[in-house]
C-alpha atoms as a PDB file:
ATOM      1  CA  UNK A   1     -54.307  -4.824 -30.505  1.00  0.00           C
ATOM      2  CA  UNK A   2     -53.878  -5.655 -34.512  1.00  0.00           C
ATOM      3  CA  UNK A   3     -56.998  -5.075 -36.317  1.00  0.00           C
ATOM      4  CA  UNK A   4     -57.418  -7.054 -39.134  1.00  0.00           C
ATOM      5  CA  UNK A   5     -61.249  -6.174 -39.890  1.00  0.00           C
ATOM      6  CA  UNK A   6     -61.003  -6.708 -43.926  1.00  0.00           C
ATOM      7  CA  UNK A   7     -58.757  -9.347 -45.917  1.00  0.00           C
ATOM      8  CA  UNK A   8     -58.506  -8.965 -49.649  1.00  0.00           C
ATOM      9  CA  UNK A   9     -58.008 -12.349 -51.477  1.00  0.00           C
ATOM     10  CA  UNK A  10     -57.535 -12.261 -55.565  1.00  0.00           C
ATOM     11  CA  UNK A  11     -58.402 -15.253 -57.117  1.00  0.00           C
ATOM     12  CA  UNK A  12     -57.655 -16.812 -60.736  1.00  0.00           C
ATOM     13  CA  UNK A  13     -59.536 -20.130 -59.655  1.00  0.00           C
ATOM     14  CA  UNK A  14     -56.061 -22.024 -59.721  1.00  0.00           C
ATOM     15  CA  UNK A  15     -55.010 -24.264 -56.646  1.00  0.00           C
ATOM     16  CA  UNK A  16     -52.413 -21.639 -55.776  1.00  0.00           C
ATOM     17  CA  UNK A  17     -55.696 -19.310 -55.073  1.00  0.00           C
ATOM     18  CA  UNK A  18     -57.176 -21.885 -53.280  1.00  0.00           C
ATOM     19  CA  UNK A  19     -54.028 -21.960 -50.885  1.00  0.00           C
ATOM     20  CA  UNK A  20     -54.635 -18.177 -50.792  1.00  0.00           C
ATOM     21  CA  UNK A  21     -58.147 -18.722 -49.524  1.00  0.00           C
ATOM     22  CA  UNK A  22     -57.329 -21.318 -46.946  1.00  0.00           C
ATOM     23  CA  UNK A  23     -54.842 -18.824 -45.374  1.00  0.00           C
ATOM     24  CA  UNK A  24     -57.273 -15.980 -45.690  1.00  0.00           C
ATOM     25  CA  UNK A  25     -59.988 -18.252 -43.798  1.00  0.00           C
ATOM     26  CA  UNK A  26     -57.683 -19.205 -41.260  1.00  0.00           C
ATOM     27  CA  UNK A  27     -56.944 -15.492 -40.447  1.00  0.00           C
ATOM     28  CA  UNK A  28     -60.335 -14.415 -40.693  1.00  0.00           C
ATOM     29  CA  UNK A  29     -61.466 -17.021 -37.843  1.00  0.00           C
ATOM     30  CA  UNK A  30     -58.343 -15.704 -35.699  1.00  0.00           C
ATOM     31  CA  UNK A  31     -58.908 -12.033 -36.179  1.00  0.00           C
ATOM     32  CA  UNK A  32     -62.579 -12.253 -36.733  1.00  0.00           C
ATOM     33  CA  UNK A  33     -62.203 -10.724 -40.401  1.00  0.00           C
ATOM     34  CA  UNK A  34     -64.198 -10.361 -43.461  1.00  0.00           C
ATOM     35  CA  UNK A  35     -63.164 -12.016 -46.569  1.00  0.00           C
ATOM     36  CA  UNK A  36     -63.440 -10.194 -49.748  1.00  0.00           C
ATOM     37  CA  UNK A  37     -62.946 -12.758 -52.574  1.00  0.00           C
ATOM     38  CA  UNK A  38     -61.848 -10.545 -56.079  1.00  0.00           C
ATOM     39  CA  UNK A  39     -61.956 -11.956 -59.328  1.00  0.00           C
ATOM     40  CA  UNK A  40     -60.600  -9.796 -62.262  1.00  0.00           C
ATOM     41  CA  UNK A  41     -61.189 -11.182 -65.875  1.00  0.00           C
ATOM     42  CA  UNK A  42     -58.629  -9.156 -68.068  1.00  0.00           C
ATOM     43  CA  UNK A  43     -59.426 -10.863 -71.186  1.00  0.00           C
ATOM     44  CA  UNK A  44     -61.671  -8.776 -73.561  1.00  0.00           C
ATOM     45  CA  UNK A  45     -65.108 -10.840 -73.748  1.00  0.00           C
ATOM     46  CA  UNK A  46     -65.740 -11.217 -77.580  1.00  0.00           C
ATOM     47  CA  UNK A  47     -68.140 -12.561 -79.637  1.00  0.00           C
ATOM     48  CA  UNK A  48     -68.220 -12.814 -83.082  1.00  0.00           C
ATOM     49  CA  UNK A  49     -71.229 -11.453 -84.761  1.00  0.00           C
ATOM     50  CA  UNK A  50     -72.218 -13.468 -87.756  1.00  0.00           C
ATOM     51  CA  UNK A  51     -75.868 -11.777 -88.615  1.00  0.00           C
ATOM     52  CA  UNK A  52     -77.997  -9.074 -87.480  1.00  0.00           C
ATOM     53  CA  UNK A  53     -78.870  -8.473 -83.804  1.00  0.00           C
ATOM     54  CA  UNK A  54     -82.301 -10.388 -83.290  1.00  0.00           C
ATOM     55  CA  UNK A  55     -81.517 -13.352 -85.370  1.00  0.00           C
ATOM     56  CA  UNK A  56     -80.385 -15.260 -82.436  1.00  0.00           C
ATOM     57  CA  UNK A  57     -77.166 -13.154 -82.128  1.00  0.00           C
ATOM     58  CA  UNK A  58     -76.695 -11.749 -78.856  1.00  0.00           C
ATOM     59  CA  UNK A  59     -75.058  -8.015 -78.076  1.00  0.00           C
ATOM     60  CA  UNK A  60     -71.627  -7.734 -77.081  1.00  0.00           C
ATOM     61  CA  UNK A  61     -73.091  -6.603 -73.692  1.00  0.00           C
ATOM     62  CA  UNK A  62     -75.042  -9.616 -73.057  1.00  0.00           C
ATOM     63  CA  UNK A  63     -72.383 -12.092 -73.823  1.00  0.00           C
ATOM     64  CA  UNK A  64     -70.342  -9.656 -71.136  1.00  0.00           C
ATOM     65  CA  UNK A  65     -73.121 -10.091 -68.986  1.00  0.00           C
ATOM     66  CA  UNK A  66     -73.489 -13.676 -69.589  1.00  0.00           C
ATOM     67  CA  UNK A  67     -69.720 -14.363 -68.817  1.00  0.00           C
ATOM     68  CA  UNK A  68     -69.171 -12.610 -65.590  1.00  0.00           C
ATOM     69  CA  UNK A  69     -72.836 -14.422 -64.308  1.00  0.00           C
ATOM     70  CA  UNK A  70     -71.002 -17.701 -65.432  1.00  0.00           C
ATOM     71  CA  UNK A  71     -67.647 -16.330 -63.307  1.00  0.00           C
ATOM     72  CA  UNK A  72     -69.711 -15.589 -60.143  1.00  0.00           C
ATOM     73  CA  UNK A  73     -71.308 -19.013 -59.976  1.00  0.00           C
ATOM     74  CA  UNK A  74     -67.583 -20.330 -60.378  1.00  0.00           C
ATOM     75  CA  UNK A  75     -66.162 -17.603 -57.518  1.00  0.00           C
ATOM     76  CA  UNK A  76     -69.557 -18.537 -55.209  1.00  0.00           C
ATOM     77  CA  UNK A  77     -68.287 -22.290 -55.133  1.00  0.00           C
ATOM     78  CA  UNK A  78     -64.437 -21.371 -55.222  1.00  0.00           C
ATOM     79  CA  UNK A  79     -63.190 -22.586 -51.458  1.00  0.00           C
ATOM     80  CA  UNK A  80     -66.504 -22.597 -50.204  1.00  0.00           C
ATOM     81  CA  UNK A  81     -65.970 -25.324 -47.636  1.00  0.00           C
ATOM     82  CA  UNK A  82     -62.749 -24.007 -46.546  1.00  0.00           C
ATOM     83  CA  UNK A  83     -64.623 -20.547 -45.773  1.00  0.00           C
ATOM     84  CA  UNK A  84     -67.516 -22.217 -43.866  1.00  0.00           C
ATOM     85  CA  UNK A  85     -68.382 -20.054 -41.049  1.00  0.00           C
ATOM     86  CA  UNK A  86     -66.504 -16.784 -42.385  1.00  0.00           C
ATOM     87  CA  UNK A  87     -68.189 -13.934 -43.546  1.00  0.00           C
ATOM     88  CA  UNK A  88     -67.536 -13.490 -47.346  1.00  0.00           C
ATOM     89  CA  UNK A  89     -68.040 -11.081 -50.111  1.00  0.00           C
ATOM     90  CA  UNK A  90     -67.457 -11.895 -53.742  1.00  0.00           C
ATOM     91  CA  UNK A  91     -66.567  -9.464 -56.314  1.00  0.00           C
ATOM     92  CA  UNK A  92     -66.249 -10.475 -60.067  1.00  0.00           C
ATOM     93  CA  UNK A  93     -64.975  -7.328 -62.454  1.00  0.00           C
ATOM     94  CA  UNK A  94     -63.071  -6.777 -65.572  1.00  0.00           C
ATOM     95  CA  UNK A  95     -59.898  -4.655 -66.657  1.00  0.00           C
ATOM     96  CA  UNK A  96     -56.301  -4.764 -65.437  1.00  0.00           C
ATOM     97  CA  UNK A  97     -55.969  -7.636 -62.441  1.00  0.00           C
ATOM     98  CA  UNK A  98     -53.798  -5.364 -60.518  1.00  0.00           C
ATOM     99  CA  UNK A  99     -55.128  -1.987 -60.868  1.00  0.00           C
ATOM    100  CA  UNK A 100     -58.250  -3.466 -59.495  1.00  0.00           C
ATOM    101  CA  UNK A 101     -56.640  -5.316 -56.804  1.00  0.00           C
ATOM    102  CA  UNK A 102     -54.813  -1.965 -55.641  1.00  0.00           C
ATOM    103  CA  UNK A 103     -57.803   0.024 -56.029  1.00  0.00           C
ATOM    104  CA  UNK A 104     -60.128  -2.361 -54.042  1.00  0.00           C
ATOM    105  CA  UNK A 105     -57.294  -3.132 -51.472  1.00  0.00           C
ATOM    106  CA  UNK A 106     -57.662   0.315 -50.061  1.00  0.00           C
ATOM    107  CA  UNK A 107     -60.641  -1.169 -47.859  1.00  0.00           C
ATOM    108  CA  UNK A 108     -58.675  -3.816 -46.484  1.00  0.00           C
ATOM    109  CA  UNK A 109     -56.335  -4.355 -43.971  1.00  0.00           C
ATOM    110  CA  UNK A 110     -54.530  -7.039 -45.403  1.00  0.00           C
ATOM    111  CA  UNK A 111     -54.200  -8.323 -49.272  1.00  0.00           C
ATOM    112  CA  UNK A 112     -53.362 -12.133 -49.352  1.00  0.00           C
ATOM    113  CA  UNK A 113     -51.805 -13.837 -52.586  1.00  0.00           C
ATOM    114  CA  UNK A 114     -49.899 -16.496 -53.496  1.00  0.00           C
ATOM    115  CA  UNK A 115     -46.250 -15.549 -54.989  1.00  0.00           C
ATOM    116  CA  UNK A 116     -45.739 -17.944 -57.715  1.00  0.00           C
ATOM    117  CA  UNK A 117     -46.231 -21.255 -59.199  1.00  0.00           C
ATOM    118  CA  UNK A 118     -43.798 -24.571 -58.604  1.00  0.00           C
ATOM    119  CA  UNK A 119     -40.849 -25.225 -59.890  1.00  0.00           C
ATOM    120  CA  UNK A 120     -36.913 -24.069 -59.221  1.00  0.00           C
ATOM    121  CA  UNK A 121     -36.771 -21.324 -61.533  1.00  0.00           C
ATOM    122  CA  UNK A 122     -40.624 -20.079 -61.014  1.00  0.00           C
ATOM    123  CA  UNK A 123     -39.800 -20.068 -57.060  1.00  0.00           C
ATOM    124  CA  UNK A 124     -37.279 -17.340 -57.545  1.00  0.00           C
ATOM    125  CA  UNK A 125     -39.584 -15.061 -59.240  1.00  0.00           C
ATOM    126  CA  UNK A 126     -42.729 -13.347 -58.088  1.00  0.00           C
ATOM    127  CA  UNK A 127     -46.240 -13.708 -60.260  1.00  0.00           C
ATOM    128  CA  UNK A 128     -46.457 -10.474 -62.305  1.00  0.00           C
ATOM    129  CA  UNK A 129     -49.714  -9.394 -60.928  1.00  0.00           C
ATOM    130  CA  UNK A 130     -48.475 -10.137 -57.271  1.00  0.00           C
ATOM    131  CA  UNK A 131     -45.075  -8.037 -57.958  1.00  0.00           C
ATOM    132  CA  UNK A 132     -47.375  -5.179 -59.359  1.00  0.00           C
ATOM    133  CA  UNK A 133     -49.827  -5.436 -56.467  1.00  0.00           C
ATOM    134  CA  UNK A 134     -46.481  -4.980 -53.845  1.00  0.00           C
ATOM    135  CA  UNK A 135     -45.210  -2.550 -56.139  1.00  0.00           C
ATOM    136  CA  UNK A 136     -48.123  -0.269 -56.166  1.00  0.00           C
ATOM    137  CA  UNK A 137     -50.223  -0.743 -52.698  1.00  0.00           C
ATOM    138  CA  UNK A 138     -49.814   0.584 -49.488  1.00  0.00           C
ATOM    139  CA  UNK A 139     -51.568  -1.902 -47.510  1.00  0.00           C
ATOM    140  CA  UNK A 140     -50.168  -5.086 -45.911  1.00  0.00           C
ATOM    141  CA  UNK A 141     -49.733  -7.885 -48.317  1.00  0.00           C
ATOM    142  CA  UNK A 142     -49.587 -11.404 -46.732  1.00  0.00           C
ATOM    143  CA  UNK A 143     -47.730 -13.518 -49.639  1.00  0.00           C
ATOM    144  CA  UNK A 144     -47.793 -17.536 -49.165  1.00  0.00           C
ATOM    145  CA  UNK A 145     -45.778 -19.789 -51.507  1.00  0.00           C
ATOM    146  CA  UNK A 146     -47.524 -22.859 -52.726  1.00  0.00           C
ATOM    147  CA  UNK A 147     -44.551 -25.512 -51.537  1.00  0.00           C
ATOM    148  CA  UNK A 148     -44.547 -24.278 -48.075  1.00  0.00           C
ATOM    149  CA  UNK A 149     -48.475 -24.973 -47.401  1.00  0.00           C
ATOM    150  CA  UNK A 150     -48.257 -27.766 -45.165  1.00  0.00           C
ATOM    151  CA  UNK A 151     -45.327 -26.761 -43.159  1.00  0.00           C
ATOM    152  CA  UNK A 152     -46.619 -23.155 -42.321  1.00  0.00           C
ATOM    153  CA  UNK A 153     -50.133 -23.366 -42.000  1.00  0.00           C
ATOM    154  CA  UNK A 154     -51.037 -20.208 -40.466  1.00  0.00           C
ATOM    155  CA  UNK A 155     -53.270 -21.928 -37.622  1.00  0.00           C
ATOM    156  CA  UNK A 156     -50.150 -22.505 -35.598  1.00  0.00           C
ATOM    157  CA  UNK A 157     -47.947 -19.749 -35.887  1.00  0.00           C
ATOM    158  CA  UNK A 158     -44.871 -19.929 -32.862  1.00  0.00           C
ATOM    159  CA  UNK A 159     -41.978 -17.727 -34.156  1.00  0.00           C
ATOM    160  CA  UNK A 160     -42.251 -14.307 -36.072  1.00  0.00           C
ATOM    161  CA  UNK A 161     -39.214 -13.154 -37.495  1.00  0.00           C
ATOM    162  CA  UNK A 162     -39.019  -9.555 -38.320  1.00  0.00           C
ATOM    163  CA  UNK A 163     -36.410  -8.060 -40.918  1.00  0.00           C
ATOM    164  CA  UNK A 164     -35.283  -4.720 -39.738  1.00  0.00           C
ATOM    165  CA  UNK A 165     -33.457  -2.050 -41.785  1.00  0.00           C
ATOM    166  CA  UNK A 166     -31.563   0.020 -39.351  1.00  0.00           C
ATOM    167  CA  UNK A 167     -31.302   2.904 -41.451  1.00  0.00           C
ATOM    168  CA  UNK A 168     -34.949   4.263 -41.651  1.00  0.00           C
ATOM    169  CA  UNK A 169     -37.863   3.987 -39.194  1.00  0.00           C
ATOM    170  CA  UNK A 170     -39.210   0.646 -38.328  1.00  0.00           C
ATOM    171  CA  UNK A 171     -41.354   1.236 -35.334  1.00  0.00           C
ATOM    172  CA  UNK A 172     -44.512   0.572 -37.802  1.00  0.00           C
ATOM    173  CA  UNK A 173     -43.130  -2.819 -38.741  1.00  0.00           C
ATOM    174  CA  UNK A 174     -42.131  -3.832 -35.275  1.00  0.00           C
ATOM    175  CA  UNK A 175     -45.097  -3.119 -33.951  1.00  0.00           C
ATOM    176  CA  UNK A 176     -47.115  -4.922 -36.451  1.00  0.00           C
ATOM    177  CA  UNK A 177     -44.802  -7.801 -36.223  1.00  0.00           C
ATOM    178  CA  UNK A 178     -45.251  -7.676 -32.117  1.00  0.00           C
ATOM    179  CA  UNK A 179     -49.042  -7.501 -32.034  1.00  0.00           C
ATOM    180  CA  UNK A 180     -49.499 -10.352 -34.488  1.00  0.00           C
ATOM    181  CA  UNK A 181     -47.003 -12.566 -32.580  1.00  0.00           C
ATOM    182  CA  UNK A 182     -48.696 -11.655 -29.276  1.00  0.00           C
ATOM    183  CA  UNK A 183     -52.005 -13.017 -30.692  1.00  0.00           C
ATOM    184  CA  UNK A 184     -50.474 -16.329 -31.088  1.00  0.00           C
ATOM    185  CA  UNK A 185     -48.288 -16.185 -28.164  1.00  0.00           C
ATOM    186  CA  UNK A 186     -45.634 -16.572 -30.543  1.00  0.00           C
ATOM    187  CA  UNK A 187     -41.898 -15.621 -30.081  1.00  0.00           C
ATOM    188  CA  UNK A 188     -40.557 -12.805 -32.039  1.00  0.00           C
ATOM    189  CA  UNK A 189     -37.491 -12.337 -33.224  1.00  0.00           C
ATOM    190  CA  UNK A 190     -35.552  -9.094 -34.719  1.00  0.00           C
ATOM    191  CA  UNK A 191     -33.156  -9.841 -37.118  1.00  0.00           C
ATOM    192  CA  UNK A 192     -30.500  -7.745 -39.181  1.00  0.00           C
ATOM    193  CA  UNK A 193     -28.323  -8.531 -41.997  1.00  0.00           C
ATOM    194  CA  UNK A 194     -24.931  -7.064 -42.572  1.00  0.00           C
ATOM    195  CA  UNK A 195     -23.053  -7.570 -45.056  1.00  0.00           C
ATOM    196  CA  UNK A 196     -19.460  -9.020 -45.070  1.00  0.00           C
ATOM    197  CA  UNK A 197     -16.161  -6.817 -45.344  1.00  0.00           C
ATOM    198  CA  UNK A 198     -15.561  -5.516 -48.851  1.00  0.00           C
ATOM    199  CA  UNK A 199     -13.696  -8.071 -50.741  1.00  0.00           C
ATOM    200  CA  UNK A 200     -10.821  -5.196 -51.393  1.00  0.00           C
ATOM    201  CA  UNK A 201     -10.534  -4.707 -47.872  1.00  0.00           C
ATOM    202  CA  UNK A 202      -7.179  -6.478 -46.130  1.00  0.00           C
ATOM    203  CA  UNK A 203      -7.845  -9.004 -44.171  1.00  0.00           C
ATOM    204  CA  UNK A 204      -6.027  -7.512 -41.434  1.00  0.00           C
ATOM    205  CA  UNK A 205      -8.674  -4.903 -41.264  1.00  0.00           C
ATOM    206  CA  UNK A 206     -11.750  -7.249 -42.200  1.00  0.00           C
ATOM    207  CA  UNK A 207     -11.991  -8.767 -38.526  1.00  0.00           C
ATOM    208  CA  UNK A 208     -12.374  -5.509 -37.024  1.00  0.00           C
ATOM    209  CA  UNK A 209     -14.534  -4.508 -39.342  1.00  0.00           C
ATOM    210  CA  UNK A 210     -16.682  -7.290 -39.204  1.00  0.00           C
ATOM    211  CA  UNK A 211     -16.560  -7.411 -35.676  1.00  0.00           C
ATOM    212  CA  UNK A 212     -17.594  -3.619 -35.042  1.00  0.00           C
ATOM    213  CA  UNK A 213     -20.678  -3.896 -37.650  1.00  0.00           C
ATOM    214  CA  UNK A 214     -21.991  -6.553 -35.944  1.00  0.00           C
ATOM    215  CA  UNK A 215     -21.538  -5.304 -32.383  1.00  0.00           C
ATOM    216  CA  UNK A 216     -23.199  -2.091 -33.903  1.00  0.00           C
ATOM    217  CA  UNK A 217     -25.728  -3.648 -35.471  1.00  0.00           C
ATOM    218  CA  UNK A 218     -26.620  -5.537 -32.148  1.00  0.00           C
ATOM    219  CA  UNK A 219     -26.481  -2.327 -29.945  1.00  0.00           C
ATOM    220  CA  UNK A 220     -29.505  -0.649 -32.344  1.00  0.00           C
ATOM    221  CA  UNK A 221     -31.680  -3.792 -32.261  1.00  0.00           C
ATOM    222  CA  UNK A 222     -31.472  -3.723 -28.198  1.00  0.00           C
ATOM    223  CA  UNK A 223     -32.194  -0.416 -28.412  1.00  0.00           C
ATOM    224  CA  UNK A 224     -34.824  -0.509 -30.913  1.00  0.00           C
ATOM    225  CA  UNK A 225     -36.549  -3.241 -28.281  1.00  0.00           C
ATOM    226  CA  UNK A 226     -36.045  -0.923 -25.291  1.00  0.00           C
ATOM    227  CA  UNK A 227     -37.710   2.236 -27.428  1.00  0.00           C
ATOM    228  CA  UNK A 228     -40.872   0.275 -28.646  1.00  0.00           C
ATOM    229  CA  UNK A 229     -41.023  -2.136 -25.475  1.00  0.00           C
ATOM    230  CA  UNK A 230     -41.610  -5.109 -27.248  1.00  0.00           C
ATOM    231  CA  UNK A 231     -40.792  -8.689 -25.839  1.00  0.00           C
ATOM    232  CA  UNK A 232     -38.379  -9.542 -28.658  1.00  0.00           C
ATOM    233  CA  UNK A 233     -34.833 -11.209 -29.277  1.00  0.00           C
ATOM    234  CA  UNK A 234     -32.351 -10.137 -31.483  1.00  0.00           C
ATOM    235  CA  UNK A 235     -30.297 -11.608 -34.294  1.00  0.00           C
ATOM    236  CA  UNK A 236     -27.578 -10.570 -36.570  1.00  0.00           C
ATOM    237  CA  UNK A 237     -27.001 -12.155 -39.502  1.00  0.00           C
ATOM    238  CA  UNK A 238     -24.440 -11.896 -42.453  1.00  0.00           C
ATOM    239  CA  UNK A 239     -24.695 -12.065 -46.209  1.00  0.00           C
ATOM    240  CA  UNK A 240     -26.988 -10.877 -49.262  1.00  0.00           C
ATOM    241  CA  UNK A 241     -30.275 -10.149 -47.109  1.00  0.00           C
ATOM    242  CA  UNK A 242     -32.808 -12.120 -49.222  1.00  0.00           C
ATOM    243  CA  UNK A 243     -30.523 -15.546 -49.166  1.00  0.00           C
ATOM    244  CA  UNK A 244     -29.303 -14.974 -45.312  1.00  0.00           C
ATOM    245  CA  UNK A 245     -32.867 -13.983 -44.032  1.00  0.00           C
ATOM    246  CA  UNK A 246     -34.011 -17.252 -45.865  1.00  0.00           C
ATOM    247  CA  UNK A 247     -31.846 -19.366 -44.505  1.00  0.00           C
ATOM    248  CA  UNK A 248     -32.466 -17.787 -40.817  1.00  0.00           C
ATOM    249  CA  UNK A 249     -35.818 -18.289 -41.160  1.00  0.00           C
ATOM    250  CA  UNK A 250     -35.459 -22.053 -42.040  1.00  0.00           C
ATOM    251  CA  UNK A 251     -32.778 -22.894 -39.390  1.00  0.00           C
ATOM    252  CA  UNK A 252     -34.765 -21.333 -36.588  1.00  0.00           C
ATOM    253  CA  UNK A 253     -38.310 -22.406 -37.869  1.00  0.00           C
ATOM    254  CA  UNK A 254     -39.899 -19.050 -38.144  1.00  0.00           C
ATOM    255  CA  UNK A 255     -43.501 -19.633 -39.332  1.00  0.00           C
ATOM    256  CA  UNK A 256     -43.629 -15.768 -40.630  1.00  0.00           C
ATOM    257  CA  UNK A 257     -41.070 -13.356 -41.984  1.00  0.00           C
ATOM    258  CA  UNK A 258     -42.264  -9.433 -41.663  1.00  0.00           C
ATOM    259  CA  UNK A 259     -40.391  -7.181 -43.533  1.00  0.00           C
ATOM    260  CA  UNK A 260     -41.128  -3.475 -44.867  1.00  0.00           C
ATOM    261  CA  UNK A 261     -41.365  -2.137 -48.258  1.00  0.00           C
ATOM    262  CA  UNK A 262     -40.067   0.870 -49.649  1.00  0.00           C
ATOM    263  CA  UNK A 263     -42.112   4.167 -48.724  1.00  0.00           C
ATOM    264  CA  UNK A 264     -41.404   5.788 -52.049  1.00  0.00           C
ATOM    265  CA  UNK A 265     -43.778   7.665 -53.447  1.00  0.00           C
ATOM    266  CA  UNK A 266     -42.124   8.556 -56.648  1.00  0.00           C
ATOM    267  CA  UNK A 267     -41.975   6.476 -60.064  1.00  0.00           C
ATOM    268  CA  UNK A 268     -39.983   3.772 -58.571  1.00  0.00           C
ATOM    269  CA  UNK A 269     -43.107   2.569 -56.322  1.00  0.00           C
ATOM    270  CA  UNK A 270     -43.029   0.525 -52.998  1.00  0.00           C
ATOM    271  CA  UNK A 271     -41.234  -2.920 -54.111  1.00  0.00           C
ATOM    272  CA  UNK A 272     -37.605  -2.615 -53.716  1.00  0.00           C
ATOM    273  CA  UNK A 273     -34.866  -4.986 -54.840  1.00  0.00           C
ATOM    274  CA  UNK A 274     -34.233  -6.310 -51.356  1.00  0.00           C
ATOM    275  CA  UNK A 275     -37.503  -6.983 -50.886  1.00  0.00           C
ATOM    276  CA  UNK A 276     -38.577  -8.475 -54.044  1.00  0.00           C
ATOM    277  CA  UNK A 277     -35.836 -11.099 -53.416  1.00  0.00           C
ATOM    278  CA  UNK A 278     -36.765 -11.563 -49.717  1.00  0.00           C
ATOM    279  CA  UNK A 279     -40.209 -12.463 -50.598  1.00  0.00           C
ATOM    280  CA  UNK A 280     -38.885 -14.911 -53.577  1.00  0.00           C
ATOM    281  CA  UNK A 281     -36.444 -16.460 -51.083  1.00  0.00           C
ATOM    282  CA  UNK A 282     -38.664 -16.934 -48.044  1.00  0.00           C
ATOM    283  CA  UNK A 283     -39.143 -20.454 -47.140  1.00  0.00           C
ATOM    284  CA  UNK A 284     -42.115 -19.421 -45.147  1.00  0.00           C
ATOM    285  CA  UNK A 285     -45.168 -16.795 -45.767  1.00  0.00           C
ATOM    286  CA  UNK A 286     -44.008 -12.768 -45.743  1.00  0.00           C
ATOM    287  CA  UNK A 287     -45.996  -9.960 -44.560  1.00  0.00           C
ATOM    288  CA  UNK A 288     -44.686  -6.942 -46.216  1.00  0.00           C
ATOM    289  CA  UNK A 289     -46.067  -3.362 -44.993  1.00  0.00           C
END
């Protein structure tokens, strides 16, 4: 059974953060999770001293504590009605936001963040902090896009899609998706995107190449289903993975897309270009592992 005991939600007091809090509250009630709201203030708290201390001038330390106390009060009220009945811990800190989130996220089973703001350009970009967290964290990260809130409320998930890369181990990803779908009694579909035939390939060979690629992917997906013994449908799509997966999730009314991030431990980090593109293009929430 899938265990999501701790959910971490970074908060910057924006409407996008409020969406993340709402998603976290719904998931917390479903999985009986505890939620931690974390606000990280990245701007140094400065105070211009115009006279010696003791003449009505506060020390920088005092100003900092007063500022953080104000932020704690804001955090106490933020999303309070949405979190009714949920066990919540609220934390305020200073420093690099992404680093703080990754560090505190080590104790969480899920980090939940919005992807970006509104608009056609921002829709294809991840927020810098979200991108850094996806790049550095080894936790499961749930990203939700603001404009999809009404259509993809996690209280009623009926179809989970899981993107499978056939050239690496997918056991953890598929098991997570299957366990999550089971909690909602939802359909599960394993999907793999094959690239179209290379443009330089003669047309008389392209049809055969395409058929063999599709057949091979279909066989590999069915073999994975049998090996892991998960109740899943399989789907092979064609095209660049981010665009093709976005189209498939929309066409087949997927409520959640589960993907893998890179397991690299070198300086490249965990957020590969395909993962970045998939998260940006997806019309529904994405969980990346």
